[in-house]
Each structure stands twice: as C-alpha cells, then as structure tokens.
Amino acid sequence: MDFYHACEHLKRVCDAAWGEGTAEGKAEFVRLKTLLKEADDGAERIIRVLKYQHRCAKGRNKQKLLEIELTYFRNQKLRMHYADYLRRGLPIASGVMEAACKTLVTQRTPHHPPPAWRCQRVVGRWVRVKRSGMAWTLTGGQAILTLRSLIQSQRWSAAWSLLSADFRQTVTVRSPQRTPAEHSAIQLVGRQPTSTLSTQAGYAALPLAT
C-alpha cells in the first residue's frame, strides 16, 4: 500500500478527531505519520488510536468518518509494514511501480534491441504493448514485458545466455533423395526465362496482383 495514500487517510482522521487546521491536529498528524512509517507495529498502533477516537467521538457524522477510516486501516494493515520495507530497501510509494508500468507498457522505448534479438517490431523501438486493438493473454503479455524489461534495464546481454540455452535447438537439414527424372525437371524449371517479370505488365499478370 502506497505510504502517501495511507497518509491521506491519516490526515482525515486527524481533521475529524482534533479539528481541521488546528495546531493539535497538525501535531498529531506528524506524530502518527512518523509512527506509521518507522514503528514495526505502526499500523496496529494507528488502529488503536482510531478505536479510541471513535469511542470518544461526539456526533454521528464524526463517528461515521472515523469508522470508515478505521475499516480502511484494518483492511490494509497487512500491507503497511513500512519500517520493514525500508530496512529491506523496498519502495514504500507506488511511484516506482507506476513509472515502470508507463515505461514498459505505454511508452515507446528509444533504444534499439541488441543484434541478437530480431523481433524488433515486438519489443523494440516502434511498438508498445498498449495500443489500439491489442489484446494479450496473461502468458503472452508477460513474455513480451519480460523481454522489454531486460532491454530497458540494460540486462539483455546477461539474460540472453540463459534465454538462448533454453530455446536454442540444433536443426539438421536433410536433402530429399530425388530420382534422375525429378532432378532433370528441377533443372528445366530453373532455366525458365524471367523476362515476363521485367516490366510492370509482367508483374500485373501474376496471381493476386493488383
């Protein structure tokens, strides 16, 4: 859960409990915000404060607002271990994820893929995943996004050795055995004149030509 989104709900709590714009409300907001971010049991302690304020609230509107926010923090409690996230070097805001979605899915990348990758029209310069008329299965979309993420993060060279090891197969080409008559027929076909295709009229005479 985005920390700053949670702080918006916390601000509504403080405005309802101590008064919007009051010095006490502002001070409590700073205290509770720090508690939520830095304490291992921050979300649980916020819930205890909310339960107390809800019991002490006078007026139906104030009680209703605090009840809504209490439900929000109870539902999101398992996603609010911000102190642990920070110790592990994880982001506590959704901006990183939103930017990644925009870069990988919506935005066109300015970089060409490495020479080893030939499907440029899928993951390269010209095509993005989110375009008019496009529809992806979960498996297909994830495959394309994985390739785009490797290119965008400059990790293609390291990943290509793993990808090629899984997908590269040895192909043996065997020429079919032909009889002397078939071999002669192939030679005759190879000697057919091509002068009929040297003009525009010759191309127009081909099947399906327009």
Protein backbone atom coordinates (compact mmCIF):
# COMPACT_ATOMS: atom_id res chain seq x y z
CA MET A 1 0.00 0.00 0.00
CA ASP A 2 1.34 3.40 -1.02
CA PHE A 3 2.54 5.20 2.14
CA TYR A 4 1.45 8.64 0.97
CA HIS A 5 -2.00 7.34 0.09
CA ALA A 6 -2.25 5.96 3.64
CA CYS A 7 -1.19 9.39 4.96
CA GLU A 8 -4.15 10.99 3.17
CA HIS A 9 -6.46 8.74 5.18
CA LEU A 10 -4.49 9.54 8.32
CA LYS A 11 -4.96 13.26 7.65
CA ARG A 12 -8.73 12.78 7.50
CA VAL A 13 -8.57 11.02 10.86
CA CYS A 14 -6.68 13.91 12.46
CA ASP A 15 -9.03 16.51 10.97
CA ALA A 16 -12.05 14.65 12.29
CA ALA A 17 -10.64 13.88 15.73
CA TRP A 18 -8.82 17.13 16.59
CA GLY A 19 -10.26 19.63 14.13
CA GLU A 20 -9.19 20.61 10.64
CA GLY A 21 -6.32 23.12 10.64
CA THR A 22 -5.85 23.08 14.41
CA ALA A 23 -2.37 23.02 15.94
CA GLU A 24 -3.21 19.83 17.84
CA GLY A 25 -4.48 18.15 14.68
CA LYS A 26 -1.32 19.06 12.76
CA ALA A 27 0.93 17.84 15.56
CA GLU A 28 -0.95 14.55 15.86
CA PHE A 29 -0.74 14.04 12.10
CA VAL A 30 3.06 14.40 12.14
CA ARG A 31 3.33 12.07 15.14
CA LEU A 32 1.07 9.37 13.72
CA LYS A 33 2.63 9.59 10.26
CA THR A 34 6.09 9.04 11.75
CA LEU A 35 4.75 6.19 13.86
CA LEU A 36 3.20 4.50 10.82
CA LYS A 37 6.43 4.80 8.85
CA GLU A 38 9.06 3.90 11.43
CA ALA A 39 7.46 1.57 14.01
CA ASP A 40 7.29 -2.16 13.32
CA ASP A 41 3.76 -2.23 14.72
CA GLY A 42 2.86 1.18 13.34
CA ALA A 43 -0.37 0.16 11.62
CA GLU A 44 -1.60 -1.66 14.72
CA ARG A 45 -0.91 1.37 16.91
CA ILE A 46 -2.75 3.63 14.45
CA ILE A 47 -5.74 1.31 14.68
CA ARG A 48 -5.71 1.53 18.49
CA VAL A 49 -5.71 5.35 18.29
CA LEU A 50 -8.59 5.22 15.81
CA LYS A 51 -10.65 2.88 18.00
CA TYR A 52 -10.19 5.22 20.97
CA GLN A 53 -11.11 8.31 18.96
CA HIS A 54 -14.15 6.52 17.54
CA ARG A 55 -15.41 5.68 21.03
CA CYS A 56 -14.90 9.26 22.21
CA ALA A 57 -16.36 10.92 19.12
CA LYS A 58 -19.47 13.02 19.55
CA GLY A 59 -21.81 13.41 16.65
CA ARG A 60 -22.97 10.88 14.07
CA ASN A 61 -21.01 12.38 11.17
CA LYS A 62 -17.74 12.35 13.10
CA GLN A 63 -18.30 8.77 14.22
CA LYS A 64 -19.13 7.68 10.67
CA LEU A 65 -16.00 9.25 9.23
CA LEU A 66 -13.77 7.67 11.87
CA GLU A 67 -15.48 4.32 11.33
CA ILE A 68 -14.72 4.48 7.60
CA GLU A 69 -11.05 5.22 8.25
CA LEU A 70 -10.84 2.54 10.93
CA THR A 71 -12.14 -0.01 8.42
CA TYR A 72 -9.59 1.18 5.86
CA PHE A 73 -6.61 0.69 8.19
CA ARG A 74 -7.90 -2.68 9.36
CA ASN A 75 -8.25 -3.90 5.78
CA GLN A 76 -4.81 -2.63 4.73
CA LYS A 77 -2.87 -3.48 7.90
CA LEU A 78 -1.01 -6.42 6.33
CA ARG A 79 0.25 -4.14 3.55
CA MET A 80 1.57 -1.43 5.87
CA HIS A 81 4.84 -2.86 7.21
CA TYR A 82 6.70 0.27 6.11
CA ALA A 83 9.55 0.01 8.62
CA ASP A 84 10.33 -3.49 7.36
CA TYR A 85 10.07 -2.38 3.73
CA LEU A 86 12.57 0.42 4.32
CA ARG A 87 15.05 -1.89 6.06
CA ARG A 88 14.91 -4.19 3.05
CA GLY A 89 15.45 -1.33 0.62
CA LEU A 90 11.97 -1.61 -0.88
CA PRO A 91 9.94 1.39 -2.06
CA ILE A 92 7.01 2.44 0.13
CA ALA A 93 5.38 4.59 -2.54
CA SER A 94 3.73 3.42 -5.74
CA GLY A 95 5.53 5.95 -7.95
CA VAL A 96 8.26 3.46 -8.89
CA MET A 97 5.69 0.86 -9.94
CA GLU A 98 3.57 3.38 -11.83
CA ALA A 99 6.63 4.66 -13.70
CA ALA A 100 7.62 1.08 -14.58
CA CYS A 101 4.15 0.40 -15.95
CA LYS A 102 4.30 3.54 -18.06
CA THR A 103 7.79 2.77 -19.38
CA LEU A 104 7.20 -0.92 -20.16
CA VAL A 105 3.58 -0.93 -21.25
CA THR A 106 2.66 2.51 -22.58
CA GLN A 107 5.78 4.42 -23.52
CA ARG A 108 7.80 3.75 -26.66
CA THR A 109 11.39 2.94 -25.88
CA PRO A 110 14.09 5.00 -27.68
CA HIS A 111 16.59 2.13 -27.70
CA HIS A 112 17.12 -0.48 -30.39
CA PRO A 113 17.31 -4.07 -29.17
CA PRO A 114 20.66 -5.85 -29.39
CA PRO A 115 21.59 -7.54 -32.69
CA ALA A 116 20.89 -10.97 -31.23
CA TRP A 117 17.21 -10.13 -31.00
CA ARG A 118 15.47 -9.91 -34.35
CA CYS A 119 11.82 -9.32 -33.42
CA GLN A 120 12.22 -5.55 -33.30
CA ARG A 121 8.58 -4.95 -34.11
CA VAL A 122 7.59 -6.67 -30.89
CA VAL A 123 9.94 -5.36 -28.21
CA GLY A 124 12.00 -2.74 -29.97
CA ARG A 125 11.74 0.88 -30.95
CA TRP A 126 8.43 1.08 -32.73
CA VAL A 127 5.89 -0.94 -30.80
CA ARG A 128 4.42 -0.64 -27.33
CA VAL A 129 2.24 -3.20 -25.60
CA LYS A 130 -0.72 -0.87 -25.08
CA ARG A 131 -2.07 0.11 -28.49
CA SER A 132 -5.43 0.30 -30.19
CA GLY A 133 -6.91 -3.13 -30.90
CA MET A 134 -4.26 -5.07 -28.97
CA ALA A 135 -5.28 -7.95 -26.74
CA TRP A 136 -2.85 -10.13 -24.79
CA THR A 137 -3.16 -13.35 -22.91
CA LEU A 138 -1.54 -13.39 -19.48
CA THR A 139 1.25 -15.68 -20.72
CA GLY A 140 1.93 -13.79 -23.94
CA GLY A 141 1.82 -10.35 -22.33
CA GLN A 142 4.17 -11.43 -19.55
CA ALA A 143 6.63 -12.83 -22.09
CA ILE A 144 6.77 -9.55 -24.01
CA LEU A 145 7.05 -7.44 -20.85
CA THR A 146 9.87 -9.64 -19.57
CA LEU A 147 11.85 -9.05 -22.76
CA ARG A 148 11.16 -5.31 -22.68
CA SER A 149 12.23 -5.09 -19.05
CA LEU A 150 15.54 -6.77 -19.85
CA ILE A 151 16.22 -4.27 -22.63
CA GLN A 152 15.12 -1.22 -20.62
CA SER A 153 17.25 -2.22 -17.62
CA GLN A 154 20.35 -2.84 -19.77
CA ARG A 155 20.49 -6.52 -18.72
CA TRP A 156 19.93 -8.11 -22.12
CA SER A 157 23.46 -9.44 -22.62
CA ALA A 158 23.46 -11.20 -19.26
CA ALA A 159 20.00 -12.65 -19.82
CA TRP A 160 20.48 -13.72 -23.42
CA SER A 161 22.83 -16.56 -22.50
CA LEU A 162 20.12 -18.01 -20.24
CA LEU A 163 17.33 -17.49 -22.78
CA SER A 164 19.29 -18.96 -25.66
CA ALA A 165 20.27 -22.00 -23.60
CA ASP A 166 16.59 -22.79 -23.02
CA PHE A 167 15.24 -22.11 -26.50
CA ARG A 168 18.12 -22.79 -28.90
CA GLN A 169 17.79 -26.15 -30.65
CA THR A 170 20.05 -27.97 -33.10
CA VAL A 171 18.44 -28.25 -36.53
CA THR A 172 19.60 -30.84 -39.05
CA VAL A 173 18.68 -30.17 -42.69
CA ARG A 174 18.39 -33.26 -44.86
CA SER A 175 18.11 -33.01 -48.63
CA PRO A 176 15.42 -35.32 -50.07
CA GLN A 177 16.52 -38.13 -52.34
CA ARG A 178 15.42 -37.42 -55.93
CA THR A 179 15.17 -39.64 -58.91
CA PRO A 180 17.10 -38.68 -62.09
CA ALA A 181 13.80 -37.65 -63.70
CA GLU A 182 12.93 -35.29 -60.82
CA HIS A 183 16.43 -33.80 -60.91
CA SER A 184 16.09 -33.09 -64.65
CA ALA A 185 12.69 -31.46 -64.11
CA ILE A 186 14.15 -29.14 -61.46
CA GLN A 187 16.94 -28.11 -63.84
CA LEU A 188 14.39 -27.33 -66.56
CA VAL A 189 12.33 -25.19 -64.22
CA GLY A 190 15.45 -23.31 -63.22
CA ARG A 191 16.10 -22.40 -66.84
CA GLN A 192 12.66 -20.82 -67.41
CA PRO A 193 13.01 -17.25 -68.75
CA THR A 194 12.16 -14.46 -66.35
CA SER A 195 11.73 -11.70 -68.91
CA THR A 196 7.95 -11.62 -68.32
CA LEU A 197 8.59 -10.10 -64.87
CA SER A 198 10.89 -7.37 -66.12
CA THR A 199 8.02 -4.99 -66.86
CA GLN A 200 5.08 -3.68 -64.88
CA ALA A 201 2.71 -5.62 -67.12
CA GLY A 202 4.54 -8.82 -66.27
CA TYR A 203 4.02 -8.28 -62.53
CA ALA A 204 0.36 -7.45 -63.09
CA ALA A 205 -0.16 -10.83 -64.79
CA LEU A 206 0.86 -12.71 -61.62
CA PRO A 207 -1.92 -14.31 -59.50
CA LEU A 208 -3.40 -11.99 -56.85
CA ALA A 209 -1.62 -8.99 -58.39
CA THR A 210 -3.46 -5.69 -58.15
